[in-house]
Amino acid sequence: MAAGAAFAAAPSVVTVTLWDKGPNSATPDDAHPMGYGPNGDMKMAMLGVKADVDTVPAGTVTFQVTNASKDIVHEMILSPLSADGKPLPYVKNELRVDEDAAGHLGEVSELDPGKTGALTVDLTPGKYILFCNIPAHFMNGMWTVITVE
């Protein structure tokens, strides 16, 4: 190799698991909201998004997504989080996040139980949220945050 040759960083791969605790995991009301924010008690969540890492380098990132549920369809949406901690725009009467207003960057659409999918995007430094936007899933704990450095 010639001295000073630039090397492109290898793309990062994040393994994401969408999980739930059975067919009655999502409550369709706000009785126990567990959405994004400092008051969400994630230990009580009946649904979740688990990433194998919480920090990746800026650049190309591939999210390899598996729906580990035996009963429920899930999806994974990627959106940036605002630096000021502003919550995602939640549409209460639809029990979901307004994806367009949240600035979604891509998704792995509805995955049947046991199915897999992938999303590859170029990310700049910041915080991003991975969440399921099937009605009632987000507010019942189906989200996680990824930091890009």
N, C-alpha and C. Protein backbone atom coordinates (compact mmCIF):
# COMPACT_ATOMS: atom_id res chain seq x y z
N MET A 1 0.83 -1.19 0.00
CA MET A 1 0.00 0.00 0.00
C MET A 1 0.87 1.24 0.00
N ALA A 2 0.43 2.23 -0.67
CA ALA A 2 1.13 3.50 -0.69
C ALA A 2 0.93 4.21 0.63
N ALA A 3 1.96 4.90 1.08
CA ALA A 3 1.85 5.64 2.34
C ALA A 3 0.77 6.69 2.20
N GLY A 4 -0.01 6.85 3.25
CA GLY A 4 -1.05 7.87 3.25
C GLY A 4 -2.34 7.43 2.56
N ALA A 5 -2.41 6.19 2.10
CA ALA A 5 -3.64 5.72 1.46
C ALA A 5 -4.77 5.72 2.48
N ALA A 6 -5.91 6.17 2.07
CA ALA A 6 -7.07 6.22 2.96
C ALA A 6 -7.80 4.88 2.93
N PHE A 7 -8.24 4.46 4.09
CA PHE A 7 -9.02 3.24 4.19
C PHE A 7 -10.44 3.60 4.59
N ALA A 8 -11.39 3.03 3.91
CA ALA A 8 -12.78 3.23 4.30
C ALA A 8 -13.08 2.32 5.48
N ALA A 9 -13.76 2.86 6.46
CA ALA A 9 -14.13 2.05 7.62
C ALA A 9 -15.12 0.98 7.19
N ALA A 10 -14.97 -0.19 7.77
CA ALA A 10 -15.91 -1.27 7.47
C ALA A 10 -17.28 -0.88 8.01
N PRO A 11 -18.34 -1.22 7.29
CA PRO A 11 -19.68 -0.90 7.78
C PRO A 11 -19.94 -1.58 9.12
N SER A 12 -20.68 -0.91 9.98
CA SER A 12 -21.06 -1.49 11.26
C SER A 12 -22.32 -2.32 11.08
N VAL A 13 -22.41 -3.40 11.84
CA VAL A 13 -23.61 -4.23 11.83
C VAL A 13 -24.15 -4.28 13.26
N VAL A 14 -25.43 -3.96 13.40
CA VAL A 14 -26.11 -4.01 14.69
C VAL A 14 -27.17 -5.11 14.60
N THR A 15 -27.10 -6.07 15.50
CA THR A 15 -28.10 -7.13 15.55
C THR A 15 -29.22 -6.67 16.47
N VAL A 16 -30.43 -6.64 15.94
CA VAL A 16 -31.59 -6.13 16.68
C VAL A 16 -32.61 -7.26 16.84
N THR A 17 -33.09 -7.41 18.06
CA THR A 17 -34.12 -8.40 18.35
C THR A 17 -35.38 -7.69 18.81
N LEU A 18 -36.49 -7.99 18.16
CA LEU A 18 -37.80 -7.47 18.55
C LEU A 18 -38.47 -8.57 19.37
N TRP A 19 -38.85 -8.27 20.61
CA TRP A 19 -39.36 -9.32 21.48
C TRP A 19 -40.64 -8.89 22.19
N ASP A 20 -41.35 -9.88 22.69
CA ASP A 20 -42.54 -9.63 23.51
C ASP A 20 -42.73 -10.81 24.45
N LYS A 21 -43.64 -10.64 25.38
CA LYS A 21 -43.92 -11.69 26.37
C LYS A 21 -45.24 -12.39 26.10
N GLY A 22 -45.60 -12.51 24.83
CA GLY A 22 -46.79 -13.27 24.47
C GLY A 22 -47.86 -12.44 23.80
N PRO A 23 -48.95 -13.09 23.39
CA PRO A 23 -49.97 -12.46 22.55
C PRO A 23 -50.73 -11.31 23.21
N ASN A 24 -50.72 -11.19 24.52
CA ASN A 24 -51.43 -10.10 25.20
C ASN A 24 -50.47 -9.06 25.76
N SER A 25 -49.32 -8.89 25.13
CA SER A 25 -48.27 -8.01 25.64
C SER A 25 -48.57 -6.53 25.54
N ALA A 26 -49.27 -6.11 24.50
CA ALA A 26 -49.50 -4.68 24.28
C ALA A 26 -50.87 -4.28 24.80
N THR A 27 -50.87 -3.37 25.77
CA THR A 27 -52.14 -2.83 26.23
C THR A 27 -52.50 -1.68 25.31
N PRO A 28 -53.72 -1.64 24.78
CA PRO A 28 -54.08 -0.62 23.79
C PRO A 28 -54.46 0.72 24.40
N ASP A 29 -54.24 0.91 25.69
CA ASP A 29 -54.57 2.19 26.30
C ASP A 29 -53.34 2.78 26.97
N ASP A 30 -53.52 3.87 27.66
CA ASP A 30 -52.41 4.53 28.31
C ASP A 30 -52.35 4.21 29.80
N ALA A 31 -52.91 3.08 30.21
CA ALA A 31 -52.92 2.71 31.62
C ALA A 31 -51.50 2.58 32.18
N HIS A 32 -50.61 2.05 31.39
CA HIS A 32 -49.23 1.86 31.83
C HIS A 32 -48.28 2.29 30.71
N PRO A 33 -48.27 3.58 30.35
CA PRO A 33 -47.41 4.01 29.25
C PRO A 33 -45.94 3.84 29.59
N MET A 34 -45.20 3.28 28.67
CA MET A 34 -43.78 3.06 28.88
C MET A 34 -42.97 3.63 27.72
N GLY A 35 -43.46 4.68 27.11
CA GLY A 35 -42.78 5.24 25.96
C GLY A 35 -41.51 5.97 26.33
N TYR A 36 -40.88 6.58 25.35
CA TYR A 36 -39.60 7.25 25.54
C TYR A 36 -39.72 8.39 26.53
N GLY A 37 -38.84 8.45 27.45
CA GLY A 37 -38.80 9.53 28.41
C GLY A 37 -38.25 9.06 29.74
N PRO A 38 -37.94 9.99 30.62
CA PRO A 38 -37.30 9.63 31.88
C PRO A 38 -38.21 8.87 32.84
N ASN A 39 -39.51 8.88 32.61
CA ASN A 39 -40.43 8.23 33.54
C ASN A 39 -40.81 6.81 33.13
N GLY A 40 -40.33 6.33 32.01
CA GLY A 40 -40.65 4.97 31.57
C GLY A 40 -39.91 3.94 32.42
N ASP A 41 -40.63 3.00 33.00
CA ASP A 41 -40.03 1.94 33.81
C ASP A 41 -39.85 0.72 32.93
N MET A 42 -38.70 0.61 32.28
CA MET A 42 -38.49 -0.44 31.29
C MET A 42 -38.41 -1.83 31.91
N LYS A 43 -38.21 -1.94 33.21
CA LYS A 43 -38.20 -3.27 33.85
C LYS A 43 -39.57 -3.93 33.76
N MET A 44 -40.61 -3.13 33.58
CA MET A 44 -41.97 -3.64 33.53
C MET A 44 -42.46 -3.89 32.10
N ALA A 45 -41.64 -3.57 31.12
CA ALA A 45 -42.06 -3.66 29.72
C ALA A 45 -42.43 -5.09 29.34
N MET A 46 -43.50 -5.20 28.56
CA MET A 46 -43.94 -6.49 28.04
C MET A 46 -43.48 -6.70 26.59
N LEU A 47 -42.93 -5.64 26.01
CA LEU A 47 -42.43 -5.65 24.64
C LEU A 47 -41.09 -4.93 24.66
N GLY A 48 -40.23 -5.22 23.69
CA GLY A 48 -38.97 -4.51 23.67
C GLY A 48 -38.21 -4.65 22.37
N VAL A 49 -37.21 -3.77 22.25
CA VAL A 49 -36.25 -3.79 21.16
C VAL A 49 -34.88 -3.92 21.82
N LYS A 50 -34.12 -4.93 21.44
CA LYS A 50 -32.79 -5.13 22.02
C LYS A 50 -31.76 -5.08 20.91
N ALA A 51 -30.78 -4.19 21.06
CA ALA A 51 -29.66 -4.12 20.13
C ALA A 51 -28.43 -4.71 20.82
N ASP A 52 -27.59 -5.39 20.05
CA ASP A 52 -26.42 -6.02 20.66
C ASP A 52 -25.33 -5.02 21.03
N VAL A 53 -25.41 -3.81 20.52
CA VAL A 53 -24.49 -2.73 20.89
C VAL A 53 -25.32 -1.46 21.08
N ASP A 54 -24.78 -0.52 21.85
CA ASP A 54 -25.50 0.74 22.01
C ASP A 54 -24.76 1.92 21.39
N THR A 55 -23.55 1.67 20.87
CA THR A 55 -22.77 2.72 20.23
C THR A 55 -22.10 2.15 18.98
N VAL A 56 -22.16 2.94 17.89
CA VAL A 56 -21.50 2.55 16.64
C VAL A 56 -20.80 3.78 16.07
N PRO A 57 -19.77 3.57 15.23
CA PRO A 57 -19.12 4.71 14.60
C PRO A 57 -19.99 5.28 13.48
N ALA A 58 -19.81 6.57 13.22
CA ALA A 58 -20.53 7.21 12.12
C ALA A 58 -20.17 6.53 10.81
N GLY A 59 -21.12 6.54 9.89
CA GLY A 59 -20.91 5.91 8.59
C GLY A 59 -22.02 4.94 8.27
N THR A 60 -21.70 3.96 7.47
CA THR A 60 -22.69 2.97 7.05
C THR A 60 -22.97 1.99 8.18
N VAL A 61 -24.26 1.86 8.51
CA VAL A 61 -24.68 0.95 9.57
C VAL A 61 -25.79 0.05 9.00
N THR A 62 -25.65 -1.24 9.22
CA THR A 62 -26.70 -2.19 8.84
C THR A 62 -27.33 -2.75 10.10
N PHE A 63 -28.64 -2.66 10.17
CA PHE A 63 -29.41 -3.23 11.26
C PHE A 63 -29.98 -4.56 10.78
N GLN A 64 -29.52 -5.66 11.37
CA GLN A 64 -30.03 -7.00 11.07
C GLN A 64 -31.10 -7.28 12.11
N VAL A 65 -32.35 -7.36 11.69
CA VAL A 65 -33.49 -7.39 12.61
C VAL A 65 -34.17 -8.76 12.59
N THR A 66 -34.45 -9.28 13.79
CA THR A 66 -35.19 -10.54 13.95
C THR A 66 -36.40 -10.30 14.83
N ASN A 67 -37.56 -10.75 14.37
CA ASN A 67 -38.76 -10.73 15.21
C ASN A 67 -38.76 -12.05 15.98
N ALA A 68 -38.40 -11.98 17.27
CA ALA A 68 -38.30 -13.18 18.10
C ALA A 68 -39.65 -13.62 18.67
N SER A 69 -40.70 -12.89 18.37
CA SER A 69 -42.03 -13.24 18.88
C SER A 69 -42.52 -14.55 18.28
N LYS A 70 -43.35 -15.24 19.04
CA LYS A 70 -44.02 -16.43 18.52
C LYS A 70 -45.42 -16.10 18.03
N ASP A 71 -45.91 -14.89 18.39
CA ASP A 71 -47.32 -14.57 18.14
C ASP A 71 -47.59 -13.24 17.45
N ILE A 72 -46.70 -12.25 17.59
CA ILE A 72 -47.03 -10.88 17.23
C ILE A 72 -46.14 -10.35 16.11
N VAL A 73 -46.74 -9.63 15.17
CA VAL A 73 -46.01 -8.94 14.11
C VAL A 73 -45.36 -7.70 14.74
N HIS A 74 -44.09 -7.45 14.40
CA HIS A 74 -43.37 -6.26 14.85
C HIS A 74 -42.66 -5.63 13.66
N GLU A 75 -42.19 -4.40 13.85
CA GLU A 75 -41.40 -3.70 12.84
C GLU A 75 -40.33 -2.90 13.56
N MET A 76 -39.35 -2.38 12.81
CA MET A 76 -38.34 -1.52 13.40
C MET A 76 -38.23 -0.25 12.57
N ILE A 77 -38.46 0.88 13.22
CA ILE A 77 -38.32 2.20 12.60
C ILE A 77 -37.07 2.85 13.19
N LEU A 78 -36.32 3.58 12.38
CA LEU A 78 -35.15 4.33 12.82
C LEU A 78 -35.44 5.81 12.67
N SER A 79 -35.28 6.57 13.76
CA SER A 79 -35.46 8.02 13.73
C SER A 79 -34.38 8.68 14.57
N PRO A 80 -34.01 9.92 14.21
CA PRO A 80 -33.06 10.65 15.06
C PRO A 80 -33.78 11.16 16.31
N LEU A 81 -33.04 11.29 17.40
CA LEU A 81 -33.58 11.92 18.60
C LEU A 81 -33.09 13.36 18.64
N SER A 82 -33.94 14.26 19.09
CA SER A 82 -33.53 15.66 19.17
C SER A 82 -32.54 15.84 20.30
N ALA A 83 -31.58 16.73 20.09
CA ALA A 83 -30.54 16.98 21.09
C ALA A 83 -31.12 17.58 22.36
N ASP A 84 -32.29 18.21 22.26
CA ASP A 84 -32.88 18.85 23.44
C ASP A 84 -33.77 17.91 24.26
N GLY A 85 -33.81 16.64 23.89
CA GLY A 85 -34.59 15.66 24.65
C GLY A 85 -36.08 15.71 24.40
N LYS A 86 -36.49 16.43 23.38
CA LYS A 86 -37.91 16.53 23.04
C LYS A 86 -38.45 15.14 22.68
N PRO A 87 -39.62 14.76 23.22
CA PRO A 87 -40.16 13.42 22.92
C PRO A 87 -40.60 13.29 21.46
N LEU A 88 -40.69 12.07 21.02
CA LEU A 88 -41.19 11.82 19.67
C LEU A 88 -42.65 12.25 19.58
N PRO A 89 -43.08 12.68 18.38
CA PRO A 89 -44.48 13.12 18.21
C PRO A 89 -45.44 11.93 18.23
N TYR A 90 -46.11 11.75 19.35
CA TYR A 90 -47.00 10.61 19.56
C TYR A 90 -48.44 11.01 19.24
N VAL A 91 -49.11 10.20 18.41
CA VAL A 91 -50.50 10.44 18.03
C VAL A 91 -51.35 9.53 18.92
N LYS A 92 -51.86 10.11 20.00
CA LYS A 92 -52.53 9.33 21.03
C LYS A 92 -53.73 8.54 20.50
N ASN A 93 -54.56 9.16 19.66
CA ASN A 93 -55.75 8.45 19.18
C ASN A 93 -55.41 7.32 18.20
N GLU A 94 -54.18 7.28 17.69
CA GLU A 94 -53.73 6.19 16.81
C GLU A 94 -52.78 5.24 17.53
N LEU A 95 -52.39 5.59 18.77
CA LEU A 95 -51.48 4.77 19.58
C LEU A 95 -50.16 4.50 18.87
N ARG A 96 -49.64 5.54 18.19
CA ARG A 96 -48.40 5.37 17.44
C ARG A 96 -47.67 6.70 17.30
N VAL A 97 -46.41 6.62 16.90
CA VAL A 97 -45.59 7.79 16.63
C VAL A 97 -45.88 8.26 15.21
N ASP A 98 -45.92 9.58 15.01
CA ASP A 98 -46.02 10.15 13.66
C ASP A 98 -44.63 10.03 13.03
N GLU A 99 -44.45 9.03 12.20
CA GLU A 99 -43.13 8.72 11.63
C GLU A 99 -42.57 9.87 10.81
N ASP A 100 -43.40 10.52 10.01
CA ASP A 100 -42.91 11.62 9.19
C ASP A 100 -42.44 12.78 10.06
N ALA A 101 -43.23 13.15 11.06
CA ALA A 101 -42.85 14.24 11.95
C ALA A 101 -41.61 13.88 12.78
N ALA A 102 -41.41 12.60 13.03
CA ALA A 102 -40.24 12.14 13.79
C ALA A 102 -38.98 12.09 12.92
N GLY A 103 -39.14 12.31 11.61
CA GLY A 103 -38.00 12.30 10.71
C GLY A 103 -37.42 10.92 10.45
N HIS A 104 -38.31 9.93 10.34
CA HIS A 104 -37.82 8.55 10.19
C HIS A 104 -36.84 8.43 9.03
N LEU A 105 -35.84 7.59 9.23
CA LEU A 105 -34.75 7.42 8.27
C LEU A 105 -34.82 6.11 7.52
N GLY A 106 -35.76 5.27 7.90
CA GLY A 106 -35.91 3.98 7.25
C GLY A 106 -36.55 3.00 8.21
N GLU A 107 -36.90 1.84 7.67
CA GLU A 107 -37.55 0.85 8.51
C GLU A 107 -37.39 -0.55 7.94
N VAL A 108 -37.59 -1.50 8.83
CA VAL A 108 -37.82 -2.89 8.44
C VAL A 108 -39.30 -3.07 8.70
N SER A 109 -40.08 -3.12 7.63
CA SER A 109 -41.53 -3.18 7.74
C SER A 109 -41.98 -4.43 8.46
N GLU A 110 -43.27 -4.48 8.70
CA GLU A 110 -43.88 -5.55 9.48
C GLU A 110 -43.24 -6.91 9.22
N LEU A 111 -42.71 -7.49 10.29
CA LEU A 111 -42.11 -8.82 10.23
C LEU A 111 -43.01 -9.80 10.96
N ASP A 112 -43.39 -10.86 10.28
CA ASP A 112 -44.15 -11.92 10.94
C ASP A 112 -43.27 -12.58 12.00
N PRO A 113 -43.87 -13.24 12.98
CA PRO A 113 -43.08 -13.93 14.00
C PRO A 113 -42.03 -14.85 13.38
N GLY A 114 -40.80 -14.74 13.92
CA GLY A 114 -39.70 -15.57 13.45
C GLY A 114 -38.99 -15.08 12.21
N LYS A 115 -39.48 -14.03 11.58
CA LYS A 115 -38.89 -13.54 10.32
C LYS A 115 -37.79 -12.52 10.60
N THR A 116 -36.98 -12.26 9.56
CA THR A 116 -35.87 -11.33 9.66
C THR A 116 -35.92 -10.31 8.53
N GLY A 117 -35.18 -9.23 8.72
CA GLY A 117 -35.06 -8.20 7.70
C GLY A 117 -33.84 -7.35 8.01
N ALA A 118 -33.52 -6.42 7.11
CA ALA A 118 -32.34 -5.59 7.31
C ALA A 118 -32.60 -4.18 6.80
N LEU A 119 -31.89 -3.24 7.39
CA LEU A 119 -31.92 -1.84 6.98
C LEU A 119 -30.49 -1.34 7.00
N THR A 120 -30.03 -0.75 5.89
CA THR A 120 -28.70 -0.16 5.83
C THR A 120 -28.84 1.33 5.56
N VAL A 121 -28.19 2.14 6.41
CA VAL A 121 -28.26 3.59 6.31
C VAL A 121 -26.89 4.19 6.61
N ASP A 122 -26.68 5.42 6.17
CA ASP A 122 -25.50 6.19 6.54
C ASP A 122 -25.90 7.13 7.66
N LEU A 123 -25.21 7.04 8.81
CA LEU A 123 -25.58 7.83 9.98
C LEU A 123 -24.45 8.76 10.39
N THR A 124 -24.82 9.96 10.79
CA THR A 124 -23.89 10.95 11.31
C THR A 124 -23.94 10.89 12.84
N PRO A 125 -22.96 11.48 13.53
CA PRO A 125 -22.98 11.44 14.99
C PRO A 125 -24.27 11.99 15.58
N GLY A 126 -24.73 11.33 16.62
CA GLY A 126 -25.96 11.74 17.31
C GLY A 126 -26.61 10.55 17.96
N LYS A 127 -27.79 10.78 18.49
CA LYS A 127 -28.57 9.70 19.12
C LYS A 127 -29.75 9.37 18.21
N TYR A 128 -30.03 8.08 18.12
CA TYR A 128 -31.11 7.58 17.27
C TYR A 128 -31.95 6.61 18.08
N ILE A 129 -33.22 6.52 17.72
CA ILE A 129 -34.11 5.58 18.39
C ILE A 129 -34.58 4.53 17.40
N LEU A 130 -34.58 3.29 17.85
CA LEU A 130 -35.14 2.17 17.11
C LEU A 130 -36.43 1.82 17.82
N PHE A 131 -37.55 1.78 17.10
CA PHE A 131 -38.82 1.50 17.77
C PHE A 131 -39.77 0.76 16.86
N CYS A 132 -40.72 0.08 17.49
CA CYS A 132 -41.80 -0.58 16.77
C CYS A 132 -42.99 0.37 16.80
N ASN A 133 -43.60 0.60 15.64
CA ASN A 133 -44.71 1.54 15.56
C ASN A 133 -46.04 0.87 15.27
N ILE A 134 -46.12 -0.44 15.50
CA ILE A 134 -47.42 -1.11 15.47
C ILE A 134 -48.22 -0.47 16.60
N PRO A 135 -49.51 -0.16 16.40
CA PRO A 135 -50.27 0.53 17.45
C PRO A 135 -50.10 -0.09 18.84
N ALA A 136 -49.80 0.78 19.80
CA ALA A 136 -49.61 0.50 21.23
C ALA A 136 -48.24 -0.10 21.56
N HIS A 137 -47.45 -0.50 20.60
CA HIS A 137 -46.18 -1.14 20.91
C HIS A 137 -45.15 -0.16 21.47
N PHE A 138 -45.02 1.02 20.87
CA PHE A 138 -44.04 2.00 21.34
C PHE A 138 -44.29 2.37 22.80
N MET A 139 -45.51 2.72 23.14
CA MET A 139 -45.82 3.14 24.50
C MET A 139 -45.78 2.00 25.50
N ASN A 140 -45.68 0.79 25.02
CA ASN A 140 -45.55 -0.36 25.91
C ASN A 140 -44.11 -0.87 25.98
N GLY A 141 -43.17 -0.04 25.53
CA GLY A 141 -41.76 -0.35 25.75
C GLY A 141 -40.95 -0.80 24.57
N MET A 142 -41.49 -0.76 23.35
CA MET A 142 -40.74 -1.27 22.20
C MET A 142 -39.87 -0.19 21.57
N TRP A 143 -38.76 0.11 22.23
CA TRP A 143 -37.80 1.07 21.71
C TRP A 143 -36.45 0.87 22.39
N THR A 144 -35.41 1.34 21.74
CA THR A 144 -34.08 1.43 22.34
C THR A 144 -33.33 2.55 21.64
N VAL A 145 -32.30 3.05 22.28
CA VAL A 145 -31.52 4.17 21.75
C VAL A 145 -30.14 3.68 21.34
N ILE A 146 -29.68 4.17 20.19
CA ILE A 146 -28.34 3.89 19.67
C ILE A 146 -27.60 5.22 19.57
N THR A 147 -26.35 5.24 19.99
CA THR A 147 -25.50 6.43 19.85
C THR A 147 -24.53 6.21 18.71
N VAL A 148 -24.42 7.22 17.84
CA VAL A 148 -23.47 7.18 16.74
C VAL A 148 -22.39 8.22 17.04
N GLU A 149 -21.13 7.77 17.03
CA GLU A 149 -20.01 8.67 17.36
C GLU A 149 -19.13 8.93 16.16
